[in-house]
């Protein structure tokens, strides 16, 4: 059986589509756990209505404690041999679970990850997450952390619950909890599989989604969490994966600072400059062949000397490239 854990918080316009995409999976042996994390917009009522219609659905109503706490509650009660974490504003291709489980059993992997569509609900773009993976379908134990080079999210992964054991999401982490959990459970995995098919629909335009937000307080936690992951991976000798995750966080922060807000964003820029100055070996792995784009490489090289100039140059490069 596969357990599907879905945290729900104030997403009444989206949660129905997500639930229906899970109910309609071609693989039917499911346990669907909906954790209503103190929603105030009627999302919890929608979950209850679906639970009446499908006995595979369990709904837990809690006070608002955050996504990590919600997922932990799901892990505490799940009964599945495998688990998939979905975000309540996204949805799944109808054969996603069947396809991932079939490949997992075929290659005897503990984690299987797929590609995804990025969408605003109307337009769809394949994220092409594994374009630097060299068409590898299996990552053995010596290279298992390479999966983080390509995708650090959980929503596109099926996980054998045996490797989770007592591992739980770190509630004290304000941002990047997916990545911490993934690093934790990878310790117990000896094989990771990759399915080169977009089987998950990631909605990147919902109001409140940090992926579509301008700079805000959460980015400070984002940088610090990414830096901690960098140090953990570096200790494990996964320097490329470590650099990719850190460079992504630093670049994304720089990119999301509007030029007109540079001088009120000094604390973010100061933190970035400190990290780069304290870790000069970051630049050893800033290479295109490692999956880091030219603009991001150049932005961080400028940031090494002047973070304000890095913001300005980043915006100019984006405008010139049109991306």
C-alpha atoms as a PDB file:
ATOM      1  CA  UNK A   1       0.000   0.000   0.000  1.00  0.00           C
ATOM      2  CA  UNK A   2       1.081   3.569  -0.733  1.00  0.00           C
ATOM      3  CA  UNK A   3       0.340   6.345   1.753  1.00  0.00           C
ATOM      4  CA  UNK A   4      -0.139   9.814   0.269  1.00  0.00           C
ATOM      5  CA  UNK A   5       0.369  12.607   2.815  1.00  0.00           C
ATOM      6  CA  UNK A   6      -1.048  16.035   1.932  1.00  0.00           C
ATOM      7  CA  UNK A   7      -0.768  19.055   4.260  1.00  0.00           C
ATOM      8  CA  UNK A   8      -3.676  21.468   3.781  1.00  0.00           C
ATOM      9  CA  UNK A   9      -3.689  25.130   4.761  1.00  0.00           C
ATOM     10  CA  UNK A  10      -5.995  27.773   3.263  1.00  0.00           C
ATOM     11  CA  UNK A  11      -6.035  26.356  -0.275  1.00  0.00           C
ATOM     12  CA  UNK A  12      -9.763  25.935  -0.876  1.00  0.00           C
ATOM     13  CA  UNK A  13      -9.420  26.880  -4.558  1.00  0.00           C
ATOM     14  CA  UNK A  14      -6.862  24.138  -5.215  1.00  0.00           C
ATOM     15  CA  UNK A  15      -7.249  21.237  -2.778  1.00  0.00           C
ATOM     16  CA  UNK A  16     -10.161  19.622  -4.632  1.00  0.00           C
ATOM     17  CA  UNK A  17      -8.118  19.167  -7.807  1.00  0.00           C
ATOM     18  CA  UNK A  18      -5.251  17.696  -5.810  1.00  0.00           C
ATOM     19  CA  UNK A  19      -7.460  15.192  -3.966  1.00  0.00           C
ATOM     20  CA  UNK A  20      -9.235  14.143  -7.156  1.00  0.00           C
ATOM     21  CA  UNK A  21      -5.907  13.507  -8.875  1.00  0.00           C
ATOM     22  CA  UNK A  22      -4.961  11.124  -6.053  1.00  0.00           C
ATOM     23  CA  UNK A  23      -8.356   9.413  -5.912  1.00  0.00           C
ATOM     24  CA  UNK A  24      -8.140   8.866  -9.676  1.00  0.00           C
ATOM     25  CA  UNK A  25      -4.742   7.144  -9.636  1.00  0.00           C
ATOM     26  CA  UNK A  26      -4.455   3.990 -11.732  1.00  0.00           C
ATOM     27  CA  UNK A  27      -2.850   2.394  -8.669  1.00  0.00           C
ATOM     28  CA  UNK A  28      -5.718   1.923  -6.232  1.00  0.00           C
ATOM     29  CA  UNK A  29      -4.198   0.512  -3.042  1.00  0.00           C
ATOM     30  CA  UNK A  30      -3.865   3.874  -1.371  1.00  0.00           C
ATOM     31  CA  UNK A  31      -4.157   5.498   2.019  1.00  0.00           C
ATOM     32  CA  UNK A  32      -4.805   9.224   1.551  1.00  0.00           C
ATOM     33  CA  UNK A  33      -3.975  11.305   4.635  1.00  0.00           C
ATOM     34  CA  UNK A  34      -5.131  14.934   4.624  1.00  0.00           C
ATOM     35  CA  UNK A  35      -3.800  17.084   7.457  1.00  0.00           C
ATOM     36  CA  UNK A  36      -5.869  20.249   7.801  1.00  0.00           C
ATOM     37  CA  UNK A  37      -3.332  22.508   9.499  1.00  0.00           C
ATOM     38  CA  UNK A  38      -5.787  24.988  11.015  1.00  0.00           C
ATOM     39  CA  UNK A  39      -7.283  26.254   7.745  1.00  0.00           C
ATOM     40  CA  UNK A  40      -9.633  29.204   8.080  1.00  0.00           C
ATOM     41  CA  UNK A  41     -11.033  29.326   4.540  1.00  0.00           C
ATOM     42  CA  UNK A  42     -13.116  26.141   4.460  1.00  0.00           C
ATOM     43  CA  UNK A  43     -10.361  23.877   3.127  1.00  0.00           C
ATOM     44  CA  UNK A  44     -10.952  21.483   6.025  1.00  0.00           C
ATOM     45  CA  UNK A  45     -14.639  21.160   5.137  1.00  0.00           C
ATOM     46  CA  UNK A  46     -13.705  20.258   1.574  1.00  0.00           C
ATOM     47  CA  UNK A  47     -11.409  17.515   2.903  1.00  0.00           C
ATOM     48  CA  UNK A  48     -14.239  16.137   5.064  1.00  0.00           C
ATOM     49  CA  UNK A  49     -16.594  15.989   2.082  1.00  0.00           C
ATOM     50  CA  UNK A  50     -14.103  13.935   0.080  1.00  0.00           C
ATOM     51  CA  UNK A  51     -13.561  11.618   3.059  1.00  0.00           C
ATOM     52  CA  UNK A  52     -17.284  10.784   3.029  1.00  0.00           C
ATOM     53  CA  UNK A  53     -17.008   9.828  -0.645  1.00  0.00           C
ATOM     54  CA  UNK A  54     -13.862   7.681  -0.404  1.00  0.00           C
ATOM     55  CA  UNK A  55     -13.070   5.418   2.549  1.00  0.00           C
ATOM     56  CA  UNK A  56      -9.346   5.524   1.724  1.00  0.00           C
ATOM     57  CA  UNK A  57      -9.229   9.151   2.902  1.00  0.00           C
ATOM     58  CA  UNK A  58      -8.360  10.092   6.482  1.00  0.00           C
ATOM     59  CA  UNK A  59      -8.634  13.706   7.633  1.00  0.00           C
ATOM     60  CA  UNK A  60      -6.796  15.121  10.624  1.00  0.00           C
ATOM     61  CA  UNK A  61      -7.767  18.602  11.853  1.00  0.00           C
ATOM     62  CA  UNK A  62      -5.102  20.404  13.900  1.00  0.00           C
ATOM     63  CA  UNK A  63      -4.169  23.875  15.048  1.00  0.00           C
ATOM     64  CA  UNK A  64      -1.827  25.669  12.689  1.00  0.00           C
ATOM     65  CA  UNK A  65       1.682  24.392  13.432  1.00  0.00           C
ATOM     66  CA  UNK A  66       3.288  24.463   9.997  1.00  0.00           C
ATOM     67  CA  UNK A  67       3.941  22.044   7.161  1.00  0.00           C
ATOM     68  CA  UNK A  68       6.648  20.054   8.981  1.00  0.00           C
ATOM     69  CA  UNK A  69       4.370  19.318  11.935  1.00  0.00           C
ATOM     70  CA  UNK A  70       1.529  18.402   9.571  1.00  0.00           C
ATOM     71  CA  UNK A  71       3.674  15.936   7.640  1.00  0.00           C
ATOM     72  CA  UNK A  72       4.986  14.428  10.861  1.00  0.00           C
ATOM     73  CA  UNK A  73       1.417  13.757  11.974  1.00  0.00           C
ATOM     74  CA  UNK A  74       0.863  11.928   8.708  1.00  0.00           C
ATOM     75  CA  UNK A  75       4.033   9.880   9.168  1.00  0.00           C
ATOM     76  CA  UNK A  76       2.958   8.941  12.698  1.00  0.00           C
ATOM     77  CA  UNK A  77      -0.276   7.299  11.542  1.00  0.00           C
ATOM     78  CA  UNK A  78       0.500   6.035   8.032  1.00  0.00           C
ATOM     79  CA  UNK A  79       0.290   2.310   7.330  1.00  0.00           C
ATOM     80  CA  UNK A  80       1.742   2.195   3.816  1.00  0.00           C
ATOM     81  CA  UNK A  81       4.847   0.373   2.669  1.00  0.00           C
ATOM     82  CA  UNK A  82       5.618   3.428   0.567  1.00  0.00           C
ATOM     83  CA  UNK A  83       4.863   7.106   0.972  1.00  0.00           C
ATOM     84  CA  UNK A  84       4.443  10.073  -1.345  1.00  0.00           C
ATOM     85  CA  UNK A  85       4.228  13.677  -0.133  1.00  0.00           C
ATOM     86  CA  UNK A  86       2.046  15.928  -2.286  1.00  0.00           C
ATOM     87  CA  UNK A  87       1.436  19.653  -1.884  1.00  0.00           C
ATOM     88  CA  UNK A  88      -2.245  20.512  -1.689  1.00  0.00           C
ATOM     89  CA  UNK A  89      -2.126  23.178  -4.409  1.00  0.00           C
ATOM     90  CA  UNK A  90      -0.506  20.806  -6.941  1.00  0.00           C
ATOM     91  CA  UNK A  91      -1.774  17.652  -8.608  1.00  0.00           C
ATOM     92  CA  UNK A  92      -0.565  14.269  -9.901  1.00  0.00           C
ATOM     93  CA  UNK A  93      -0.677  12.630 -13.329  1.00  0.00           C
ATOM     94  CA  UNK A  94      -3.130   9.743 -13.163  1.00  0.00           C
ATOM     95  CA  UNK A  95      -0.391   7.080 -13.503  1.00  0.00           C
ATOM     96  CA  UNK A  96       2.233   8.739 -11.310  1.00  0.00           C
ATOM     97  CA  UNK A  97       2.132   6.342  -8.371  1.00  0.00           C
ATOM     98  CA  UNK A  98       1.830   3.230 -10.526  1.00  0.00           C
ATOM     99  CA  UNK A  99       4.756   4.312 -12.704  1.00  0.00           C
ATOM    100  CA  UNK A 100       7.045   5.187  -9.777  1.00  0.00           C
ATOM    101  CA  UNK A 101       6.196   2.066  -7.785  1.00  0.00           C
ATOM    102  CA  UNK A 102       6.683  -0.192 -10.803  1.00  0.00           C
ATOM    103  CA  UNK A 103      10.158   1.218 -11.432  1.00  0.00           C
ATOM    104  CA  UNK A 104      11.036   1.097  -7.729  1.00  0.00           C
ATOM    105  CA  UNK A 105      10.257  -2.612  -7.584  1.00  0.00           C
ATOM    106  CA  UNK A 106      11.983  -3.267 -10.903  1.00  0.00           C
ATOM    107  CA  UNK A 107      15.338  -1.792  -9.830  1.00  0.00           C
ATOM    108  CA  UNK A 108      14.976  -2.419  -6.078  1.00  0.00           C
ATOM    109  CA  UNK A 109      15.417   1.256  -5.151  1.00  0.00           C
ATOM    110  CA  UNK A 110      14.327   2.944  -1.920  1.00  0.00           C
ATOM    111  CA  UNK A 111      13.551   6.310  -3.531  1.00  0.00           C
ATOM    112  CA  UNK A 112      12.291   6.985  -7.049  1.00  0.00           C
ATOM    113  CA  UNK A 113      12.062  10.520  -8.408  1.00  0.00           C
ATOM    114  CA  UNK A 114      10.319  11.812 -11.541  1.00  0.00           C
ATOM    115  CA  UNK A 115      10.244  15.001 -13.604  1.00  0.00           C
ATOM    116  CA  UNK A 116       7.462  17.569 -13.285  1.00  0.00           C
ATOM    117  CA  UNK A 117       5.487  20.231 -15.084  1.00  0.00           C
ATOM    118  CA  UNK A 118       5.687  23.797 -13.840  1.00  0.00           C
ATOM    119  CA  UNK A 119       2.351  25.527 -14.330  1.00  0.00           C
ATOM    120  CA  UNK A 120       0.231  28.542 -13.523  1.00  0.00           C
ATOM    121  CA  UNK A 121      -2.840  26.377 -14.108  1.00  0.00           C
ATOM    122  CA  UNK A 122      -3.080  27.228 -17.805  1.00  0.00           C
ATOM    123  CA  UNK A 123       0.430  27.063 -19.227  1.00  0.00           C
ATOM    124  CA  UNK A 124       2.667  24.033 -18.758  1.00  0.00           C
ATOM    125  CA  UNK A 125       6.425  23.705 -18.998  1.00  0.00           C
ATOM    126  CA  UNK A 126       8.464  20.567 -18.355  1.00  0.00           C
ATOM    127  CA  UNK A 127      11.036  21.433 -15.710  1.00  0.00           C
ATOM    128  CA  UNK A 128      13.623  19.060 -17.213  1.00  0.00           C
ATOM    129  CA  UNK A 129      15.075  18.424 -13.771  1.00  0.00           C
ATOM    130  CA  UNK A 130      17.554  15.776 -14.873  1.00  0.00           C
ATOM    131  CA  UNK A 131      19.149  17.398 -17.901  1.00  0.00           C
ATOM    132  CA  UNK A 132      22.570  17.096 -16.228  1.00  0.00           C
ATOM    133  CA  UNK A 133      22.059  13.524 -14.996  1.00  0.00           C
ATOM    134  CA  UNK A 134      23.563  11.923 -18.111  1.00  0.00           C
ATOM    135  CA  UNK A 135      20.478   9.717 -18.619  1.00  0.00           C
ATOM    136  CA  UNK A 136      21.294   7.714 -15.499  1.00  0.00           C
ATOM    137  CA  UNK A 137      18.301   5.773 -14.264  1.00  0.00           C
ATOM    138  CA  UNK A 138      19.915   4.474 -11.093  1.00  0.00           C
ATOM    139  CA  UNK A 139      22.112   6.221  -8.516  1.00  0.00           C
ATOM    140  CA  UNK A 140      23.993   3.706  -6.399  1.00  0.00           C
ATOM    141  CA  UNK A 141      24.979   4.270  -2.769  1.00  0.00           C
ATOM    142  CA  UNK A 142      28.222   6.017  -3.687  1.00  0.00           C
ATOM    143  CA  UNK A 143      26.311   8.625  -5.721  1.00  0.00           C
ATOM    144  CA  UNK A 144      22.879   8.674  -4.077  1.00  0.00           C
ATOM    145  CA  UNK A 145      23.216  12.257  -2.828  1.00  0.00           C
ATOM    146  CA  UNK A 146      23.548  13.354  -6.452  1.00  0.00           C
ATOM    147  CA  UNK A 147      19.753  13.355  -6.591  1.00  0.00           C
ATOM    148  CA  UNK A 148      19.963  16.617  -4.624  1.00  0.00           C
ATOM    149  CA  UNK A 149      21.957  18.107  -7.507  1.00  0.00           C
ATOM    150  CA  UNK A 150      18.873  17.777  -9.681  1.00  0.00           C
ATOM    151  CA  UNK A 151      15.890  18.117  -7.376  1.00  0.00           C
ATOM    152  CA  UNK A 152      15.697  18.631  -3.624  1.00  0.00           C
ATOM    153  CA  UNK A 153      11.888  18.540  -3.423  1.00  0.00           C
ATOM    154  CA  UNK A 154       9.822  15.692  -1.963  1.00  0.00           C
ATOM    155  CA  UNK A 155       6.632  16.020  -3.988  1.00  0.00           C
ATOM    156  CA  UNK A 156       8.114  14.195  -6.997  1.00  0.00           C
ATOM    157  CA  UNK A 157       9.434  11.218  -5.033  1.00  0.00           C
ATOM    158  CA  UNK A 158       8.068   7.861  -3.918  1.00  0.00           C
ATOM    159  CA  UNK A 159       9.823   6.615  -0.785  1.00  0.00           C
ATOM    160  CA  UNK A 160      10.113   3.181   0.785  1.00  0.00           C
ATOM    161  CA  UNK A 161       8.985   3.728   4.371  1.00  0.00           C
ATOM    162  CA  UNK A 162      11.656   1.333   5.682  1.00  0.00           C
ATOM    163  CA  UNK A 163      14.316   4.012   5.171  1.00  0.00           C
ATOM    164  CA  UNK A 164      12.306   6.627   7.074  1.00  0.00           C
ATOM    165  CA  UNK A 165      12.215   4.711  10.349  1.00  0.00           C
ATOM    166  CA  UNK A 166      12.114   7.325  13.127  1.00  0.00           C
ATOM    167  CA  UNK A 167      13.203  10.216  10.883  1.00  0.00           C
ATOM    168  CA  UNK A 168      10.887  13.204  11.017  1.00  0.00           C
ATOM    169  CA  UNK A 169      10.725  16.724   9.614  1.00  0.00           C
ATOM    170  CA  UNK A 170      12.576  19.304  11.680  1.00  0.00           C
ATOM    171  CA  UNK A 171       9.894  21.648  12.960  1.00  0.00           C
ATOM    172  CA  UNK A 172      12.448  24.295  13.909  1.00  0.00           C
ATOM    173  CA  UNK A 173      13.465  24.717  10.254  1.00  0.00           C
ATOM    174  CA  UNK A 174      11.436  27.566   8.774  1.00  0.00           C
ATOM    175  CA  UNK A 175      12.423  26.950   5.163  1.00  0.00           C
ATOM    176  CA  UNK A 176      13.969  24.024   3.305  1.00  0.00           C
ATOM    177  CA  UNK A 177      12.416  21.330   5.488  1.00  0.00           C
ATOM    178  CA  UNK A 178      12.068  19.089   2.395  1.00  0.00           C
ATOM    179  CA  UNK A 179      15.795  19.150   1.787  1.00  0.00           C
ATOM    180  CA  UNK A 180      16.705  18.381   5.404  1.00  0.00           C
ATOM    181  CA  UNK A 181      14.330  15.412   5.469  1.00  0.00           C
ATOM    182  CA  UNK A 182      15.655  14.125   2.146  1.00  0.00           C
ATOM    183  CA  UNK A 183      19.251  14.318   3.368  1.00  0.00           C
ATOM    184  CA  UNK A 184      18.251  12.490   6.562  1.00  0.00           C
ATOM    185  CA  UNK A 185      16.536   9.552   4.843  1.00  0.00           C
ATOM    186  CA  UNK A 186      19.173   9.232   2.112  1.00  0.00           C
ATOM    187  CA  UNK A 187      21.478   8.000   4.861  1.00  0.00           C
ATOM    188  CA  UNK A 188      19.435   4.769   4.898  1.00  0.00           C
ATOM    189  CA  UNK A 189      19.088   4.337   1.124  1.00  0.00           C
ATOM    190  CA  UNK A 190      21.399   2.307  -1.096  1.00  0.00           C
ATOM    191  CA  UNK A 191      19.770   3.011  -4.450  1.00  0.00           C
ATOM    192  CA  UNK A 192      17.815   5.913  -5.963  1.00  0.00           C
ATOM    193  CA  UNK A 193      15.879   5.637  -9.225  1.00  0.00           C
ATOM    194  CA  UNK A 194      15.070   8.328 -11.794  1.00  0.00           C
ATOM    195  CA  UNK A 195      12.027   8.302 -14.082  1.00  0.00           C
ATOM    196  CA  UNK A 196      12.458  10.771 -16.935  1.00  0.00           C
ATOM    197  CA  UNK A 197       8.772  11.568 -17.242  1.00  0.00           C
ATOM    198  CA  UNK A 198       6.853  14.635 -15.974  1.00  0.00           C
ATOM    199  CA  UNK A 199       4.287  13.016 -13.675  1.00  0.00           C
ATOM    200  CA  UNK A 200       3.665  15.838 -11.198  1.00  0.00           C
ATOM    201  CA  UNK A 201       2.104  19.255 -11.776  1.00  0.00           C
ATOM    202  CA  UNK A 202       3.802  21.923  -9.660  1.00  0.00           C
ATOM    203  CA  UNK A 203       1.811  25.131  -9.347  1.00  0.00           C
ATOM    204  CA  UNK A 204       4.273  28.015  -9.027  1.00  0.00           C
ATOM    205  CA  UNK A 205       1.931  31.002  -9.211  1.00  0.00           C
ATOM    206  CA  UNK A 206      -0.344  30.656  -6.185  1.00  0.00           C
ATOM    207  CA  UNK A 207      -0.435  33.816  -4.044  1.00  0.00           C
ATOM    208  CA  UNK A 208       1.658  33.167  -0.955  1.00  0.00           C
ATOM    209  CA  UNK A 209       3.864  30.639  -2.699  1.00  0.00           C
ATOM    210  CA  UNK A 210       7.431  31.696  -1.906  1.00  0.00           C
ATOM    211  CA  UNK A 211       8.558  30.533  -5.333  1.00  0.00           C
ATOM    212  CA  UNK A 212       6.573  33.388  -6.831  1.00  0.00           C
ATOM    213  CA  UNK A 213       7.216  35.986  -4.136  1.00  0.00           C
ATOM    214  CA  UNK A 214       9.488  38.985  -3.973  1.00  0.00           C
ATOM    215  CA  UNK A 215      12.090  39.145  -1.220  1.00  0.00           C
ATOM    216  CA  UNK A 216      10.669  38.620   2.275  1.00  0.00           C
ATOM    217  CA  UNK A 217      11.721  37.525   5.763  1.00  0.00           C
ATOM    218  CA  UNK A 218      11.587  33.840   4.846  1.00  0.00           C
ATOM    219  CA  UNK A 219      14.580  34.289   2.592  1.00  0.00           C
ATOM    220  CA  UNK A 220      16.841  34.851   5.576  1.00  0.00           C
ATOM    221  CA  UNK A 221      15.820  31.425   6.898  1.00  0.00           C
ATOM    222  CA  UNK A 222      16.138  30.043   3.362  1.00  0.00           C
ATOM    223  CA  UNK A 223      19.782  31.163   3.128  1.00  0.00           C
ATOM    224  CA  UNK A 224      20.661  29.875   6.614  1.00  0.00           C
ATOM    225  CA  UNK A 225      18.959  26.517   6.043  1.00  0.00           C
ATOM    226  CA  UNK A 226      20.680  26.105   2.671  1.00  0.00           C
ATOM    227  CA  UNK A 227      24.019  26.974   4.240  1.00  0.00           C
ATOM    228  CA  UNK A 228      23.539  24.344   6.948  1.00  0.00           C
ATOM    229  CA  UNK A 229      22.720  21.753   4.267  1.00  0.00           C
ATOM    230  CA  UNK A 230      25.832  22.855   2.384  1.00  0.00           C
ATOM    231  CA  UNK A 231      27.991  22.116   5.407  1.00  0.00           C
ATOM    232  CA  UNK A 232      26.309  18.744   6.023  1.00  0.00           C
ATOM    233  CA  UNK A 233      26.802  17.598   2.417  1.00  0.00           C
ATOM    234  CA  UNK A 234      30.345  18.897   2.364  1.00  0.00           C
ATOM    235  CA  UNK A 235      31.164  16.792   5.426  1.00  0.00           C
ATOM    236  CA  UNK A 236      29.832  13.776   3.512  1.00  0.00           C
ATOM    237  CA  UNK A 237      32.174  14.661   0.602  1.00  0.00           C
ATOM    238  CA  UNK A 238      29.310  15.571  -1.745  1.00  0.00           C
ATOM    239  CA  UNK A 239      30.840  18.913  -2.667  1.00  0.00           C
ATOM    240  CA  UNK A 240      29.079  19.332  -6.014  1.00  0.00           C
ATOM    241  CA  UNK A 241      25.617  18.698  -4.566  1.00  0.00           C
ATOM    242  CA  UNK A 242      26.458  20.992  -1.661  1.00  0.00           C
ATOM    243  CA  UNK A 243      27.540  23.825  -3.949  1.00  0.00           C
ATOM    244  CA  UNK A 244      24.524  23.465  -6.237  1.00  0.00           C
ATOM    245  CA  UNK A 245      22.052  23.754  -3.373  1.00  0.00           C
ATOM    246  CA  UNK A 246      23.848  26.725  -1.807  1.00  0.00           C
ATOM    247  CA  UNK A 247      24.340  28.567  -5.097  1.00  0.00           C
ATOM    248  CA  UNK A 248      20.643  28.109  -5.861  1.00  0.00           C
ATOM    249  CA  UNK A 249      19.646  29.730  -2.552  1.00  0.00           C
ATOM    250  CA  UNK A 250      22.081  32.629  -2.850  1.00  0.00           C
ATOM    251  CA  UNK A 251      21.214  33.314  -6.478  1.00  0.00           C
ATOM    252  CA  UNK A 252      17.493  33.114  -5.912  1.00  0.00           C
ATOM    253  CA  UNK A 253      17.732  35.623  -3.075  1.00  0.00           C
ATOM    254  CA  UNK A 254      19.784  38.026  -5.183  1.00  0.00           C
ATOM    255  CA  UNK A 255      17.394  37.607  -8.100  1.00  0.00           C
ATOM    256  CA  UNK A 256      14.329  38.380  -5.974  1.00  0.00           C
ATOM    257  CA  UNK A 257      15.695  41.630  -4.548  1.00  0.00           C
ATOM    258  CA  UNK A 258      14.249  44.486  -6.641  1.00  0.00           C
ATOM    259  CA  UNK A 259      16.821  47.136  -7.506  1.00  0.00           C
ATOM    260  CA  UNK A 260      14.722  49.757  -5.738  1.00  0.00           C
ATOM    261  CA  UNK A 261      14.879  47.668  -2.528  1.00  0.00           C
ATOM    262  CA  UNK A 262      18.614  47.005  -2.473  1.00  0.00           C
ATOM    263  CA  UNK A 263      19.279  49.321   0.438  1.00  0.00           C
ATOM    264  CA  UNK A 264      16.500  47.847   2.587  1.00  0.00           C
ATOM    265  CA  UNK A 265      17.768  44.344   1.829  1.00  0.00           C
ATOM    266  CA  UNK A 266      21.206  44.831   3.318  1.00  0.00           C
ATOM    267  CA  UNK A 267      20.885  42.037   5.876  1.00  0.00           C
ATOM    268  CA  UNK A 268      20.352  39.459   3.103  1.00  0.00           C
ATOM    269  CA  UNK A 269      23.278  40.797   1.109  1.00  0.00           C
ATOM    270  CA  UNK A 270      25.522  40.921   4.166  1.00  0.00           C
ATOM    271  CA  UNK A 271      24.731  37.281   4.974  1.00  0.00           C
ATOM    272  CA  UNK A 272      25.463  36.231   1.386  1.00  0.00           C
ATOM    273  CA  UNK A 273      28.777  38.099   1.384  1.00  0.00           C
ATOM    274  CA  UNK A 274      29.794  36.515   4.708  1.00  0.00           C
ATOM    275  CA  UNK A 275      29.028  32.993   3.462  1.00  0.00           C
ATOM    276  CA  UNK A 276      30.985  33.510   0.244  1.00  0.00           C
ATOM    277  CA  UNK A 277      33.950  35.034   2.078  1.00  0.00           C
ATOM    278  CA  UNK A 278      34.002  32.212   4.625  1.00  0.00           C
ATOM    279  CA  UNK A 279      33.749  29.502   1.944  1.00  0.00           C
ATOM    280  CA  UNK A 280      35.973  30.439  -1.009  1.00  0.00           C
ATOM    281  CA  UNK A 281      35.998  26.815  -2.196  1.00  0.00           C
ATOM    282  CA  UNK A 282      32.383  27.296  -3.329  1.00  0.00           C
ATOM    283  CA  UNK A 283      33.862  28.719  -6.504  1.00  0.00           C
ATOM    284  CA  UNK A 284      35.677  25.457  -7.281  1.00  0.00           C
ATOM    285  CA  UNK A 285      32.390  23.768  -8.194  1.00  0.00           C
ATOM    286  CA  UNK A 286      30.658  26.702  -9.917  1.00  0.00           C
ATOM    287  CA  UNK A 287      30.720  25.084 -13.330  1.00  0.00           C
ATOM    288  CA  UNK A 288      28.230  24.800 -16.167  1.00  0.00           C
ATOM    289  CA  UNK A 289      28.792  21.032 -16.370  1.00  0.00           C
ATOM    290  CA  UNK A 290      27.567  20.804 -12.769  1.00  0.00           C
ATOM    291  CA  UNK A 291      24.220  22.227 -13.809  1.00  0.00           C
ATOM    292  CA  UNK A 292      24.800  25.826 -12.738  1.00  0.00           C
ATOM    293  CA  UNK A 293      23.860  28.375 -15.393  1.00  0.00           C
ATOM    294  CA  UNK A 294      26.212  31.062 -16.692  1.00  0.00           C
ATOM    295  CA  UNK A 295      24.158  33.862 -15.151  1.00  0.00           C
ATOM    296  CA  UNK A 296      24.231  32.283 -11.714  1.00  0.00           C
ATOM    297  CA  UNK A 297      27.954  31.661 -11.904  1.00  0.00           C
ATOM    298  CA  UNK A 298      28.648  35.246 -12.935  1.00  0.00           C
ATOM    299  CA  UNK A 299      26.258  36.643 -10.310  1.00  0.00           C
ATOM    300  CA  UNK A 300      28.051  34.850  -7.477  1.00  0.00           C
ATOM    301  CA  UNK A 301      31.469  35.812  -8.783  1.00  0.00           C
ATOM    302  CA  UNK A 302      30.377  39.454  -8.701  1.00  0.00           C
ATOM    303  CA  UNK A 303      28.792  38.967  -5.251  1.00  0.00           C
ATOM    304  CA  UNK A 304      32.143  37.820  -3.903  1.00  0.00           C
ATOM    305  CA  UNK A 305      33.316  41.421  -4.211  1.00  0.00           C
ATOM    306  CA  UNK A 306      30.124  43.503  -4.236  1.00  0.00           C
ATOM    307  CA  UNK A 307      26.656  42.112  -3.493  1.00  0.00           C
ATOM    308  CA  UNK A 308      24.864  45.337  -4.439  1.00  0.00           C
ATOM    309  CA  UNK A 309      26.478  45.222  -7.871  1.00  0.00           C
ATOM    310  CA  UNK A 310      25.527  41.536  -8.108  1.00  0.00           C
ATOM    311  CA  UNK A 311      21.829  42.445  -7.736  1.00  0.00           C
ATOM    312  CA  UNK A 312      22.074  45.137 -10.415  1.00  0.00           C
ATOM    313  CA  UNK A 313      23.996  42.915 -12.843  1.00  0.00           C
ATOM    314  CA  UNK A 314      21.616  40.006 -12.252  1.00  0.00           C
ATOM    315  CA  UNK A 315      18.636  42.150 -13.242  1.00  0.00           C
ATOM    316  CA  UNK A 316      20.463  43.461 -16.314  1.00  0.00           C
ATOM    317  CA  UNK A 317      21.366  39.920 -17.403  1.00  0.00           C
ATOM    318  CA  UNK A 318      17.783  38.779 -16.906  1.00  0.00           C
ATOM    319  CA  UNK A 319      16.469  41.673 -18.962  1.00  0.00           C
ATOM    320  CA  UNK A 320      18.952  41.053 -21.788  1.00  0.00           C
ATOM    321  CA  UNK A 321      18.241  37.311 -21.880  1.00  0.00           C
ATOM    322  CA  UNK A 322      14.490  37.759 -21.459  1.00  0.00           C
ATOM    323  CA  UNK A 323      14.400  35.089 -18.764  1.00  0.00           C
END
